[in-house]
PDB file of N, CA and C in Angstrom:
ATOM      1  N   MET A   1       5.466 -13.466  18.089  1.00  0.00           N
ATOM      2  CA  MET A   1       5.557 -13.979  16.787  1.00  0.00           C
ATOM      3  C   MET A   1       6.404 -15.248  16.778  1.00  0.00           C
ATOM      4  N   SER A   2       6.235 -16.188  15.907  1.00  0.00           N
ATOM      5  CA  SER A   2       6.959 -17.409  15.920  1.00  0.00           C
ATOM      6  C   SER A   2       8.400 -17.227  15.230  1.00  0.00           C
ATOM      7  N   ASP A   3       9.182 -18.352  15.366  1.00  0.00           N
ATOM      8  CA  ASP A   3      10.536 -18.280  14.705  1.00  0.00           C
ATOM      9  C   ASP A   3      10.287 -18.279  13.112  1.00  0.00           C
ATOM     10  N   GLU A   4       9.232 -18.697  12.784  1.00  0.00           N
ATOM     11  CA  GLU A   4       8.876 -18.791  11.241  1.00  0.00           C
ATOM     12  C   GLU A   4       9.004 -17.393  10.683  1.00  0.00           C
ATOM     13  N   ALA A   5       9.580 -17.246   9.526  1.00  0.00           N
ATOM     14  CA  ALA A   5       9.826 -15.914   8.915  1.00  0.00           C
ATOM     15  C   ALA A   5       8.450 -15.346   8.514  1.00  0.00           C
ATOM     16  N   VAL A   6       8.307 -14.130   8.718  1.00  0.00           N
ATOM     17  CA  VAL A   6       7.079 -13.433   8.353  1.00  0.00           C
ATOM     18  C   VAL A   6       7.150 -13.147   6.818  1.00  0.00           C
ATOM     19  N   ARG A   7       6.079 -13.520   6.134  1.00  0.00           N
ATOM     20  CA  ARG A   7       6.001 -13.234   4.695  1.00  0.00           C
ATOM     21  C   ARG A   7       5.832 -11.794   4.450  1.00  0.00           C
ATOM     22  N   THR A   8       6.394 -11.241   3.344  1.00  0.00           N
ATOM     23  CA  THR A   8       6.235  -9.912   2.893  1.00  0.00           C
ATOM     24  C   THR A   8       5.459  -9.882   1.579  1.00  0.00           C
ATOM     25  N   VAL A   9       4.928  -8.816   1.126  1.00  0.00           N
ATOM     26  CA  VAL A   9       4.227  -8.643  -0.139  1.00  0.00           C
ATOM     27  C   VAL A   9       5.118  -9.308  -1.184  1.00  0.00           C
ATOM     28  N   ASP A  10       6.338  -9.053  -1.204  1.00  0.00           N
ATOM     29  CA  ASP A  10       7.306  -9.589  -2.318  1.00  0.00           C
ATOM     30  C   ASP A  10       7.490 -10.995  -2.215  1.00  0.00           C
ATOM     31  N   ASP A  11       7.319 -11.658  -1.104  1.00  0.00           N
ATOM     32  CA  ASP A  11       7.574 -13.042  -0.912  1.00  0.00           C
ATOM     33  C   ASP A  11       6.435 -13.927  -1.536  1.00  0.00           C
ATOM     34  N   ALA A  12       5.277 -13.454  -1.608  1.00  0.00           N
ATOM     35  CA  ALA A  12       4.128 -14.182  -2.028  1.00  0.00           C
ATOM     36  C   ALA A  12       4.218 -14.335  -3.581  1.00  0.00           C
ATOM     37  N   ALA A  13       4.021 -15.593  -4.082  1.00  0.00           N
ATOM     38  CA  ALA A  13       4.038 -15.753  -5.446  1.00  0.00           C
ATOM     39  C   ALA A  13       2.799 -15.173  -6.093  1.00  0.00           C
ATOM     40  N   PRO A  14       2.928 -14.574  -7.284  1.00  0.00           N
ATOM     41  CA  PRO A  14       1.747 -14.026  -7.930  1.00  0.00           C
ATOM     42  C   PRO A  14       0.606 -15.048  -8.043  1.00  0.00           C
ATOM     43  N   GLY A  15      -0.590 -14.637  -7.737  1.00  0.00           N
ATOM     44  CA  GLY A  15      -1.731 -15.636  -7.903  1.00  0.00           C
ATOM     45  C   GLY A  15      -1.834 -16.556  -6.642  1.00  0.00           C
ATOM     46  N   ASP A  16      -1.097 -16.343  -5.581  1.00  0.00           N
ATOM     47  CA  ASP A  16      -1.235 -17.072  -4.423  1.00  0.00           C
ATOM     48  C   ASP A  16      -2.010 -16.324  -3.376  1.00  0.00           C
ATOM     49  N   ALA A  17      -3.344 -16.556  -3.435  1.00  0.00           N
ATOM     50  CA  ALA A  17      -4.244 -15.771  -2.564  1.00  0.00           C
ATOM     51  C   ALA A  17      -4.056 -16.104  -1.131  1.00  0.00           C
ATOM     52  N   ASP A  18      -3.710 -17.296  -0.687  1.00  0.00           N
ATOM     53  CA  ASP A  18      -3.476 -17.709   0.667  1.00  0.00           C
ATOM     54  C   ASP A  18      -2.240 -16.918   1.210  1.00  0.00           C
ATOM     55  N   ALA A  19      -1.221 -16.874   0.402  1.00  0.00           N
ATOM     56  CA  ALA A  19      -0.020 -16.194   0.867  1.00  0.00           C
ATOM     57  C   ALA A  19      -0.246 -14.675   0.939  1.00  0.00           C
ATOM     58  N   ALA A  20      -1.030 -14.161  -0.092  1.00  0.00           N
ATOM     59  CA  ALA A  20      -1.432 -12.717  -0.040  1.00  0.00           C
ATOM     60  C   ALA A  20      -2.194 -12.392   1.181  1.00  0.00           C
ATOM     61  N   LEU A  21      -3.099 -13.295   1.577  1.00  0.00           N
ATOM     62  CA  LEU A  21      -3.959 -13.178   2.777  1.00  0.00           C
ATOM     63  C   LEU A  21      -3.026 -13.172   4.041  1.00  0.00           C
ATOM     64  N   ASP A  22      -2.119 -14.047   4.031  1.00  0.00           N
ATOM     65  CA  ASP A  22      -1.172 -14.160   5.182  1.00  0.00           C
ATOM     66  C   ASP A  22      -0.484 -12.723   5.341  1.00  0.00           C
ATOM     67  N   VAL A  23      -0.022 -12.271   4.213  1.00  0.00           N
ATOM     68  CA  VAL A  23       0.741 -11.005   4.238  1.00  0.00           C
ATOM     69  C   VAL A  23      -0.193  -9.948   4.675  1.00  0.00           C
ATOM     70  N   LEU A  24      -1.411  -9.867   4.217  1.00  0.00           N
ATOM     71  CA  LEU A  24      -2.319  -8.833   4.512  1.00  0.00           C
ATOM     72  C   LEU A  24      -2.584  -8.854   6.051  1.00  0.00           C
ATOM     73  N   VAL A  25      -2.927  -9.983   6.576  1.00  0.00           N
ATOM     74  CA  VAL A  25      -3.125 -10.144   8.031  1.00  0.00           C
ATOM     75  C   VAL A  25      -1.885  -9.655   8.854  1.00  0.00           C
ATOM     76  N   GLU A  26      -0.721 -10.010   8.409  1.00  0.00           N
ATOM     77  CA  GLU A  26       0.535  -9.489   9.124  1.00  0.00           C
ATOM     78  C   GLU A  26       0.583  -7.936   9.050  1.00  0.00           C
ATOM     79  N   GLU A  27       0.454  -7.499   7.782  1.00  0.00           N
ATOM     80  CA  GLU A  27       0.523  -5.996   7.700  1.00  0.00           C
ATOM     81  C   GLU A  27      -0.601  -5.291   8.407  1.00  0.00           C
ATOM     82  N   LEU A  28      -1.784  -5.812   8.424  1.00  0.00           N
ATOM     83  CA  LEU A  28      -2.850  -5.172   9.199  1.00  0.00           C
ATOM     84  C   LEU A  28      -2.546  -5.167  10.687  1.00  0.00           C
ATOM     85  N   SER A  29      -2.037  -6.263  11.188  1.00  0.00           N
ATOM     86  CA  SER A  29      -1.620  -6.330  12.643  1.00  0.00           C
ATOM     87  C   SER A  29      -0.693  -5.321  12.978  1.00  0.00           C
ATOM     88  N   GLY A  30       0.342  -5.217  12.118  1.00  0.00           N
ATOM     89  CA  GLY A  30       1.412  -4.188  12.388  1.00  0.00           C
ATOM     90  C   GLY A  30       0.950  -2.774  12.373  1.00  0.00           C
ATOM     91  N   CYS A  31       0.109  -2.545  11.330  1.00  0.00           N
ATOM     92  CA  CYS A  31      -0.485  -1.134  11.247  1.00  0.00           C
ATOM     93  C   CYS A  31      -1.430  -0.798  12.345  1.00  0.00           C
ATOM     94  N   VAL A  32      -2.271  -1.694  12.772  1.00  0.00           N
ATOM     95  CA  VAL A  32      -3.112  -1.546  13.919  1.00  0.00           C
ATOM     96  C   VAL A  32      -2.319  -1.176  15.165  1.00  0.00           C
ATOM     97  N   GLU A  33      -1.258  -1.959  15.401  1.00  0.00           N
ATOM     98  CA  GLU A  33      -0.390  -1.564  16.561  1.00  0.00           C
ATOM     99  C   GLU A  33       0.241  -0.291  16.417  1.00  0.00           C
ATOM    100  N   SER A  34       0.794   0.006  15.326  1.00  0.00           N
ATOM    101  CA  SER A  34       1.440   1.298  15.053  1.00  0.00           C
ATOM    102  C   SER A  34       0.354   2.439  15.220  1.00  0.00           C
ATOM    103  N   LEU A  35      -0.735   2.270  14.689  1.00  0.00           N
ATOM    104  CA  LEU A  35      -1.752   3.384  14.827  1.00  0.00           C
ATOM    105  C   LEU A  35      -2.295   3.471  16.181  1.00  0.00           C
ATOM    106  N   ARG A  36      -2.240   2.503  16.949  1.00  0.00           N
ATOM    107  CA  ARG A  36      -2.556   2.620  18.357  1.00  0.00           C
ATOM    108  C   ARG A  36      -1.603   3.699  19.089  1.00  0.00           C
ATOM    109  N   HIS A  37      -0.414   3.471  18.768  1.00  0.00           N
ATOM    110  CA  HIS A  37       0.660   4.445  19.229  1.00  0.00           C
ATOM    111  C   HIS A  37       0.343   5.871  18.670  1.00  0.00           C
ATOM    112  N   VAL A  38       0.046   5.947  17.485  1.00  0.00           N
ATOM    113  CA  VAL A  38      -0.253   7.232  16.830  1.00  0.00           C
ATOM    114  C   VAL A  38      -1.465   7.895  17.563  1.00  0.00           C
ATOM    115  N   LEU A  39      -2.522   7.104  17.763  1.00  0.00           N
ATOM    116  CA  LEU A  39      -3.750   7.660  18.523  1.00  0.00           C
ATOM    117  C   LEU A  39      -3.281   8.164  19.930  1.00  0.00           C
ATOM    118  N   ALA A  40      -2.502   7.485  20.596  1.00  0.00           N
ATOM    119  CA  ALA A  40      -2.017   7.859  21.938  1.00  0.00           C
ATOM    120  C   ALA A  40      -1.282   9.208  21.889  1.00  0.00           C
ATOM    121  N   ARG A  41      -0.413   9.320  20.817  1.00  0.00           N
ATOM    122  CA  ARG A  41       0.423  10.489  20.704  1.00  0.00           C
ATOM    123  C   ARG A  41      -0.416  11.701  20.174  1.00  0.00           C
ATOM    124  N   ALA A  42      -1.366  11.405  19.362  1.00  0.00           N
ATOM    125  CA  ALA A  42      -2.295  12.527  18.938  1.00  0.00           C
ATOM    126  C   ALA A  42      -3.065  12.955  20.107  1.00  0.00           C
ATOM    127  N   GLU A  43      -3.562  12.166  20.963  1.00  0.00           N
ATOM    128  CA  GLU A  43      -4.375  12.552  22.132  1.00  0.00           C
ATOM    129  C   GLU A  43      -3.412  13.380  23.055  1.00  0.00           C
ATOM    130  N   GLU A  44      -2.213  12.945  23.171  1.00  0.00           N
ATOM    131  CA  GLU A  44      -1.224  13.687  23.979  1.00  0.00           C
ATOM    132  C   GLU A  44      -1.063  15.171  23.381  1.00  0.00           C
ATOM    133  N   LEU A  45      -0.871  15.220  22.139  1.00  0.00           N
ATOM    134  CA  LEU A  45      -0.742  16.531  21.403  1.00  0.00           C
ATOM    135  C   LEU A  45      -1.924  17.346  21.578  1.00  0.00           C
ATOM    136  N   ARG A  46      -3.064  16.794  21.458  1.00  0.00           N
ATOM    137  CA  ARG A  46      -4.342  17.463  21.621  1.00  0.00           C
ATOM    138  C   ARG A  46      -4.446  17.993  23.072  1.00  0.00           C
ATOM    139  N   GLY A  47      -4.008  17.264  24.016  1.00  0.00           N
ATOM    140  CA  GLY A  47      -3.999  17.804  25.425  1.00  0.00           C
ATOM    141  C   GLY A  47      -3.056  18.881  25.637  1.00  0.00           C
ATOM    142  N   ARG A  48      -1.882  18.839  25.021  1.00  0.00           N
ATOM    143  CA  ARG A  48      -0.929  19.886  25.089  1.00  0.00           C
ATOM    144  C   ARG A  48      -1.428  21.192  24.413  1.00  0.00           C
ATOM    145  N   ARG A  49      -2.156  21.086  23.350  1.00  0.00           N
ATOM    146  CA  ARG A  49      -2.766  22.153  22.620  1.00  0.00           C
ATOM    147  C   ARG A  49      -3.769  22.785  23.541  1.00  0.00           C
ATOM    148  N   ARG A  50      -4.565  22.018  24.099  1.00  0.00           N
ATOM    149  CA  ARG A  50      -5.719  22.534  25.013  1.00  0.00           C
ATOM    150  C   ARG A  50      -5.104  23.243  26.246  1.00  0.00           C
ATOM    151  N   ASP A  51      -3.929  22.835  26.642  1.00  0.00           N
ATOM    152  CA  ASP A  51      -3.224  23.449  27.722  1.00  0.00           C
ATOM    153  C   ASP A  51      -2.539  24.729  27.348  1.00  0.00           C
ATOM    154  N   GLY A  52      -2.573  25.045  26.053  1.00  0.00           N
ATOM    155  CA  GLY A  52      -2.079  26.381  25.571  1.00  0.00           C
ATOM    156  C   GLY A  52      -0.789  26.330  24.915  1.00  0.00           C
ATOM    157  N   ALA A  53      -0.219  25.161  24.718  1.00  0.00           N
ATOM    158  CA  ALA A  53       1.076  24.976  23.886  1.00  0.00           C
ATOM    159  C   ALA A  53       0.883  25.465  22.430  1.00  0.00           C
ATOM    160  N   GLY A  54       1.884  26.168  21.950  1.00  0.00           N
ATOM    161  CA  GLY A  54       1.812  26.511  20.440  1.00  0.00           C
ATOM    162  C   GLY A  54       2.175  25.327  19.621  1.00  0.00           C
ATOM    163  N   TRP A  55       1.726  25.452  18.289  1.00  0.00           N
ATOM    164  CA  TRP A  55       1.995  24.343  17.361  1.00  0.00           C
ATOM    165  C   TRP A  55       3.451  24.100  17.268  1.00  0.00           C
ATOM    166  N   SER A  56       4.337  25.066  17.117  1.00  0.00           N
ATOM    167  CA  SER A  56       5.753  24.870  17.001  1.00  0.00           C
ATOM    168  C   SER A  56       6.309  24.164  18.180  1.00  0.00           C
ATOM    169  N   GLU A  57       5.903  24.459  19.332  1.00  0.00           N
ATOM    170  CA  GLU A  57       6.352  23.789  20.590  1.00  0.00           C
ATOM    171  C   GLU A  57       5.855  22.266  20.592  1.00  0.00           C
ATOM    172  N   VAL A  58       4.627  22.095  20.210  1.00  0.00           N
ATOM    173  CA  VAL A  58       4.059  20.658  20.238  1.00  0.00           C
ATOM    174  C   VAL A  58       4.728  19.831  19.233  1.00  0.00           C
ATOM    175  N   VAL A  59       4.865  20.310  17.993  1.00  0.00           N
ATOM    176  CA  VAL A  59       5.332  19.416  16.845  1.00  0.00           C
ATOM    177  C   VAL A  59       6.872  19.270  17.066  1.00  0.00           C
ATOM    178  N   GLN A  60       7.579  20.337  17.366  1.00  0.00           N
ATOM    179  CA  GLN A  60       9.012  20.170  17.552  1.00  0.00           C
ATOM    180  C   GLN A  60       9.416  19.300  18.769  1.00  0.00           C
ATOM    181  N   GLY A  61       8.464  19.154  19.718  1.00  0.00           N
ATOM    182  CA  GLY A  61       8.779  18.359  20.856  1.00  0.00           C
ATOM    183  C   GLY A  61       8.413  16.895  20.671  1.00  0.00           C
ATOM    184  N   GLU A  62       7.754  16.643  19.482  1.00  0.00           N
ATOM    185  CA  GLU A  62       7.276  15.291  19.144  1.00  0.00           C
ATOM    186  C   GLU A  62       8.458  14.363  18.826  1.00  0.00           C
ATOM    187  N   ASP A  63       8.511  13.163  19.341  1.00  0.00           N
ATOM    188  CA  ASP A  63       9.543  12.180  19.039  1.00  0.00           C
ATOM    189  C   ASP A  63       9.254  11.613  17.641  1.00  0.00           C
ATOM    190  N   ARG A  64      10.362  11.272  17.010  1.00  0.00           N
ATOM    191  CA  ARG A  64      10.212  10.649  15.693  1.00  0.00           C
ATOM    192  C   ARG A  64      10.045   9.235  15.841  1.00  0.00           C
ATOM    193  N   PRO A  65       9.390   8.549  14.847  1.00  0.00           N
ATOM    194  CA  PRO A  65       8.788   9.136  13.776  1.00  0.00           C
ATOM    195  C   PRO A  65       7.560   9.943  14.068  1.00  0.00           C
ATOM    196  N   LEU A  66       7.356  11.110  13.406  1.00  0.00           N
ATOM    197  CA  LEU A  66       6.239  12.021  13.653  1.00  0.00           C
ATOM    198  C   LEU A  66       4.904  11.249  13.366  1.00  0.00           C
ATOM    199  N   ILE A  67       3.799  11.739  13.984  1.00  0.00           N
ATOM    200  CA  ILE A  67       2.551  11.093  13.716  1.00  0.00           C
ATOM    201  C   ILE A  67       2.228  11.003  12.168  1.00  0.00           C
ATOM    202  N   VAL A  68       2.459  12.042  11.438  1.00  0.00           N
ATOM    203  CA  VAL A  68       2.308  12.047   9.961  1.00  0.00           C
ATOM    204  C   VAL A  68       3.089  11.006   9.222  1.00  0.00           C
ATOM    205  N   GLU A  69       4.332  10.772   9.751  1.00  0.00           N
ATOM    206  CA  GLU A  69       5.221   9.833   9.198  1.00  0.00           C
ATOM    207  C   GLU A  69       4.641   8.374   9.356  1.00  0.00           C
ATOM    208  N   ARG A  70       4.272   8.170  10.538  1.00  0.00           N
ATOM    209  CA  ARG A  70       3.642   6.883  10.912  1.00  0.00           C
ATOM    210  C   ARG A  70       2.321   6.595  10.025  1.00  0.00           C
ATOM    211  N   ILE A  71       1.551   7.532   9.921  1.00  0.00           N
ATOM    212  CA  ILE A  71       0.347   7.415   9.133  1.00  0.00           C
ATOM    213  C   ILE A  71       0.693   7.135   7.665  1.00  0.00           C
ATOM    214  N   SER A  72       1.616   7.935   7.118  1.00  0.00           N
ATOM    215  CA  SER A  72       2.098   7.637   5.671  1.00  0.00           C
ATOM    216  C   SER A  72       2.613   6.368   5.460  1.00  0.00           C
ATOM    217  N   ALA A  73       3.359   5.852   6.504  1.00  0.00           N
ATOM    218  CA  ALA A  73       4.051   4.499   6.362  1.00  0.00           C
ATOM    219  C   ALA A  73       2.918   3.424   6.358  1.00  0.00           C
ATOM    220  N   ALA A  74       1.890   3.626   7.279  1.00  0.00           N
ATOM    221  CA  ALA A  74       0.764   2.663   7.380  1.00  0.00           C
ATOM    222  C   ALA A  74      -0.019   2.630   6.071  1.00  0.00           C
ATOM    223  N   LEU A  75      -0.255   3.793   5.554  1.00  0.00           N
ATOM    224  CA  LEU A  75      -1.032   3.801   4.239  1.00  0.00           C
ATOM    225  C   LEU A  75      -0.291   3.178   3.120  1.00  0.00           C
ATOM    226  N   GLU A  76       1.048   3.398   3.015  1.00  0.00           N
ATOM    227  CA  GLU A  76       1.936   2.848   2.011  1.00  0.00           C
ATOM    228  C   GLU A  76       1.862   1.285   2.171  1.00  0.00           C
ATOM    229  N   THR A  77       2.144   0.770   3.329  1.00  0.00           N
ATOM    230  CA  THR A  77       2.128  -0.636   3.606  1.00  0.00           C
ATOM    231  C   THR A  77       0.801  -1.300   3.282  1.00  0.00           C
ATOM    232  N   LEU A  78      -0.290  -0.635   3.718  1.00  0.00           N
ATOM    233  CA  LEU A  78      -1.662  -1.165   3.489  1.00  0.00           C
ATOM    234  C   LEU A  78      -2.001  -1.148   1.973  1.00  0.00           C
ATOM    235  N   GLY A  79      -1.533  -0.123   1.301  1.00  0.00           N
ATOM    236  CA  GLY A  79      -1.801   0.030  -0.129  1.00  0.00           C
ATOM    237  C   GLY A  79      -1.160  -1.093  -0.931  1.00  0.00           C
ATOM    238  N   SER A  80       0.009  -1.462  -0.504  1.00  0.00           N
ATOM    239  CA  SER A  80       0.797  -2.474  -1.197  1.00  0.00           C
ATOM    240  C   SER A  80       0.221  -3.828  -0.900  1.00  0.00           C
ATOM    241  N   ALA A  81       0.043  -4.167   0.353  1.00  0.00           N
ATOM    242  CA  ALA A  81      -0.549  -5.531   0.650  1.00  0.00           C
ATOM    243  C   ALA A  81      -2.021  -5.594   0.205  1.00  0.00           C
ATOM    244  N   GLY A  82      -2.759  -4.478   0.273  1.00  0.00           N
ATOM    245  CA  GLY A  82      -4.207  -4.576  -0.169  1.00  0.00           C
ATOM    246  C   GLY A  82      -4.196  -4.784  -1.706  1.00  0.00           C
ATOM    247  N   SER A  83      -3.346  -4.179  -2.477  1.00  0.00           N
ATOM    248  CA  SER A  83      -3.423  -4.374  -3.926  1.00  0.00           C
ATOM    249  C   SER A  83      -3.052  -5.740  -4.246  1.00  0.00           C
ATOM    250  N   ARG A  84      -2.110  -6.265  -3.585  1.00  0.00           N
ATOM    251  CA  ARG A  84      -1.638  -7.704  -3.821  1.00  0.00           C
ATOM    252  C   ARG A  84      -2.802  -8.664  -3.539  1.00  0.00           C
ATOM    253  N   TRP A  85      -3.394  -8.395  -2.353  1.00  0.00           N
ATOM    254  CA  TRP A  85      -4.606  -9.178  -1.933  1.00  0.00           C
ATOM    255  C   TRP A  85      -5.707  -9.117  -2.932  1.00  0.00           C
ATOM    256  N   ARG A  86      -6.011  -7.953  -3.443  1.00  0.00           N
ATOM    257  CA  ARG A  86      -7.108  -7.724  -4.294  1.00  0.00           C
ATOM    258  C   ARG A  86      -6.843  -8.481  -5.683  1.00  0.00           C
ATOM    259  N   ARG A  87      -5.652  -8.321  -6.214  1.00  0.00           N
ATOM    260  CA  ARG A  87      -5.262  -9.156  -7.432  1.00  0.00           C
ATOM    261  C   ARG A  87      -5.367 -10.621  -7.178  1.00  0.00           C
ATOM    262  N   ASP A  88      -4.778 -11.178  -6.139  1.00  0.00           N
ATOM    263  CA  ASP A  88      -4.814 -12.646  -5.909  1.00  0.00           C
ATOM    264  C   ASP A  88      -6.098 -13.138  -5.536  1.00  0.00           C
ATOM    265  N   GLU A  89      -6.944 -12.334  -4.829  1.00  0.00           N
ATOM    266  CA  GLU A  89      -8.246 -12.762  -4.473  1.00  0.00           C
ATOM    267  C   GLU A  89      -9.137 -12.866  -5.840  1.00  0.00           C
ATOM    268  N   ALA A  90      -8.950 -11.911  -6.661  1.00  0.00           N
ATOM    269  CA  ALA A  90      -9.701 -11.879  -7.970  1.00  0.00           C
ATOM    270  C   ALA A  90      -9.268 -13.126  -8.790  1.00  0.00           C
ATOM    271  N   ARG A  91      -7.958 -13.393  -8.853  1.00  0.00           N
ATOM    272  CA  ARG A  91      -7.515 -14.599  -9.556  1.00  0.00           C
ATOM    273  C   ARG A  91      -7.991 -15.880  -8.924  1.00  0.00           C
ATOM    274  N   ALA A  92      -8.102 -15.974  -7.663  1.00  0.00           N
ATOM    275  CA  ALA A  92      -8.578 -17.144  -7.007  1.00  0.00           C
ATOM    276  C   ALA A  92     -10.081 -17.286  -7.339  1.00  0.00           C
ATOM    277  N   LEU A  93     -10.814 -16.268  -7.219  1.00  0.00           N
ATOM    278  CA  LEU A  93     -12.231 -16.256  -7.529  1.00  0.00           C
ATOM    279  C   LEU A  93     -12.423 -16.779  -8.968  1.00  0.00           C
ATOM    280  N   HIS A  94     -11.666 -16.176  -9.898  1.00  0.00           N
ATOM    281  CA  HIS A  94     -11.832 -16.620 -11.274  1.00  0.00           C
ATOM    282  C   HIS A  94     -11.376 -18.002 -11.476  1.00  0.00           C
ATOM    283  N   ALA A  95     -10.397 -18.469 -10.785  1.00  0.00           N
ATOM    284  CA  ALA A  95      -9.842 -19.841 -10.960  1.00  0.00           C
ATOM    285  C   ALA A  95     -10.962 -20.747 -10.403  1.00  0.00           C
ATOM    286  N   ASP A  96     -11.824 -20.336  -9.511  1.00  0.00           N
ATOM    287  CA  ASP A  96     -12.970 -21.173  -8.906  1.00  0.00           C
ATOM    288  C   ASP A  96     -14.126 -21.079  -9.790  1.00  0.00           C
ATOM    289  N   GLY A  97     -14.018 -20.347 -10.927  1.00  0.00           N
ATOM    290  CA  GLY A  97     -15.137 -20.349 -11.864  1.00  0.00           C
ATOM    291  C   GLY A  97     -15.928 -19.186 -11.885  1.00  0.00           C
ATOM    292  N   MET A  98     -15.624 -18.221 -11.009  1.00  0.00           N
ATOM    293  CA  MET A  98     -16.488 -16.941 -11.009  1.00  0.00           C
ATOM    294  C   MET A  98     -16.298 -16.143 -12.199  1.00  0.00           C
ATOM    295  N   SER A  99     -17.197 -15.514 -12.800  1.00  0.00           N
ATOM    296  CA  SER A  99     -17.109 -14.736 -13.970  1.00  0.00           C
ATOM    297  C   SER A  99     -16.436 -13.362 -13.687  1.00  0.00           C
ATOM    298  N   ILE A 100     -15.804 -12.807 -14.783  1.00  0.00           N
ATOM    299  CA  ILE A 100     -15.239 -11.425 -14.551  1.00  0.00           C
ATOM    300  C   ILE A 100     -16.325 -10.471 -14.233  1.00  0.00           C
ATOM    301  N   SER A 101     -17.542 -10.585 -14.791  1.00  0.00           N
ATOM    302  CA  SER A 101     -18.588  -9.640 -14.467  1.00  0.00           C
ATOM    303  C   SER A 101     -19.019  -9.769 -12.985  1.00  0.00           C
ATOM    304  N   ARG A 102     -19.065 -11.011 -12.399  1.00  0.00           N
ATOM    305  CA  ARG A 102     -19.391 -11.149 -10.993  1.00  0.00           C
ATOM    306  C   ARG A 102     -18.326 -10.582 -10.114  1.00  0.00           C
ATOM    307  N   ILE A 103     -17.082 -10.782 -10.533  1.00  0.00           N
ATOM    308  CA  ILE A 103     -15.895 -10.273  -9.684  1.00  0.00           C
ATOM    309  C   ILE A 103     -15.971  -8.773  -9.761  1.00  0.00           C
ATOM    310  N   ALA A 104     -16.273  -8.177 -10.894  1.00  0.00           N
ATOM    311  CA  ALA A 104     -16.374  -6.794 -11.001  1.00  0.00           C
ATOM    312  C   ALA A 104     -17.436  -6.214 -10.056  1.00  0.00           C
ATOM    313  N   GLU A 105     -18.646  -6.884 -10.064  1.00  0.00           N
ATOM    314  CA  GLU A 105     -19.776  -6.505  -9.176  1.00  0.00           C
ATOM    315  C   GLU A 105     -19.309  -6.597  -7.706  1.00  0.00           C
ATOM    316  N   LEU A 106     -18.761  -7.696  -7.352  1.00  0.00           N
ATOM    317  CA  LEU A 106     -18.304  -7.823  -5.870  1.00  0.00           C
ATOM    318  C   LEU A 106     -17.311  -6.800  -5.536  1.00  0.00           C
ATOM    319  N   PHE A 107     -16.336  -6.423  -6.292  1.00  0.00           N
ATOM    320  CA  PHE A 107     -15.306  -5.576  -6.067  1.00  0.00           C
ATOM    321  C   PHE A 107     -15.678  -4.137  -6.255  1.00  0.00           C
ATOM    322  N   GLY A 108     -16.839  -3.896  -6.905  1.00  0.00           N
ATOM    323  CA  GLY A 108     -17.309  -2.502  -7.141  1.00  0.00           C
ATOM    324  C   GLY A 108     -16.445  -1.786  -8.188  1.00  0.00           C
ATOM    325  N   VAL A 109     -16.042  -2.604  -9.213  1.00  0.00           N
ATOM    326  CA  VAL A 109     -15.192  -2.068 -10.276  1.00  0.00           C
ATOM    327  C   VAL A 109     -15.799  -2.289 -11.652  1.00  0.00           C
ATOM    328  N   THR A 110     -15.189  -1.784 -12.699  1.00  0.00           N
ATOM    329  CA  THR A 110     -15.702  -2.070 -13.974  1.00  0.00           C
ATOM    330  C   THR A 110     -15.303  -3.499 -14.465  1.00  0.00           C
ATOM    331  N   ARG A 111     -15.946  -4.058 -15.341  1.00  0.00           N
ATOM    332  CA  ARG A 111     -15.615  -5.349 -15.927  1.00  0.00           C
ATOM    333  C   ARG A 111     -14.187  -5.231 -16.454  1.00  0.00           C
ATOM    334  N   GLN A 112     -13.806  -4.225 -17.082  1.00  0.00           N
ATOM    335  CA  GLN A 112     -12.467  -4.028 -17.652  1.00  0.00           C
ATOM    336  C   GLN A 112     -11.405  -4.093 -16.561  1.00  0.00           C
ATOM    337  N   ARG A 113     -11.669  -3.351 -15.368  1.00  0.00           N
ATOM    338  CA  ARG A 113     -10.756  -3.453 -14.275  1.00  0.00           C
ATOM    339  C   ARG A 113     -10.644  -4.745 -13.641  1.00  0.00           C
ATOM    340  N   ALA A 114     -11.732  -5.493 -13.576  1.00  0.00           N
ATOM    341  CA  ALA A 114     -11.693  -6.827 -13.071  1.00  0.00           C
ATOM    342  C   ALA A 114     -10.859  -7.726 -14.083  1.00  0.00           C
ATOM    343  N   SER A 115     -11.068  -7.611 -15.298  1.00  0.00           N
ATOM    344  CA  SER A 115     -10.231  -8.402 -16.237  1.00  0.00           C
ATOM    345  C   SER A 115      -8.811  -8.193 -16.065  1.00  0.00           C
ATOM    346  N   VAL A 116      -8.432  -6.902 -15.825  1.00  0.00           N
ATOM    347  CA  VAL A 116      -6.978  -6.547 -15.557  1.00  0.00           C
ATOM    348  C   VAL A 116      -6.532  -7.315 -14.305  1.00  0.00           C
ATOM    349  N   LEU A 117      -7.371  -7.281 -13.223  1.00  0.00           N
ATOM    350  CA  LEU A 117      -7.020  -7.901 -11.948  1.00  0.00           C
ATOM    351  C   LEU A 117      -6.642  -9.404 -12.161  1.00  0.00           C
ATOM    352  N   VAL A 118      -7.514 -10.127 -12.933  1.00  0.00           N
ATOM    353  CA  VAL A 118      -7.250 -11.483 -13.041  1.00  0.00           C
ATOM    354  C   VAL A 118      -6.249 -11.908 -14.078  1.00  0.00           C
ATOM    355  N   ARG A 119      -5.829 -10.930 -14.919  1.00  0.00           N
ATOM    356  CA  ARG A 119      -4.957 -11.249 -16.004  1.00  0.00           C
ATOM    357  C   ARG A 119      -3.621 -11.881 -15.461  1.00  0.00           C
ATOM    358  N   ASP A 120      -3.178 -12.975 -16.092  1.00  0.00           N
ATOM    359  CA  ASP A 120      -1.945 -13.632 -15.727  1.00  0.00           C
ATOM    360  C   ASP A 120      -0.696 -12.614 -15.712  1.00  0.00           C
ATOM    361  N   PRO A 121      -0.032 -12.560 -14.529  1.00  0.00           N
ATOM    362  CA  PRO A 121       1.028 -11.490 -14.397  1.00  0.00           C
ATOM    363  C   PRO A 121       2.200 -11.804 -15.401  1.00  0.00           C
ATOM    364  N   ASP A 122       2.325 -13.000 -15.861  1.00  0.00           N
ATOM    365  CA  ASP A 122       3.387 -13.341 -16.773  1.00  0.00           C
ATOM    366  C   ASP A 122       3.120 -12.776 -18.118  1.00  0.00           C
ATOM    367  N   ARG A 123       1.800 -12.489 -18.453  1.00  0.00           N
ATOM    368  CA  ARG A 123       1.418 -11.904 -19.771  1.00  0.00           C
ATOM    369  C   ARG A 123       1.657 -10.437 -19.858  1.00  0.00           C
ATOM    370  N   THR A 124       1.712  -9.768 -18.772  1.00  0.00           N
ATOM    371  CA  THR A 124       1.755  -8.281 -18.814  1.00  0.00           C
ATOM    372  C   THR A 124       3.175  -7.825 -18.879  1.00  0.00           C
TER     373      THR A 124
END
């Protein structure tokens, strides 16, 4: 990673789809790396279970953060970055002239939901 500060979801200005995309890419990269570790640990636990270890022994011997903690953190991170990306992408599409109906169709949501996504955050 460069010396340049990594953007977070809170750093991106509302409506800045490029910044939201940068944040999303950073968050996805971090989650993928974390989930690689989770996968390796899950495979290790599966092996221990197949070798006859009991659940208490397997889980209590697991280093922190637990697999379930890492998965929860990844979901939370992706939920936040993904929501920001969705709003800012919808706003950028609308600013480019795309209709609310077309955005709704692309995103697989109702027209009302698409309208909420593109609404100016300063008006809410």
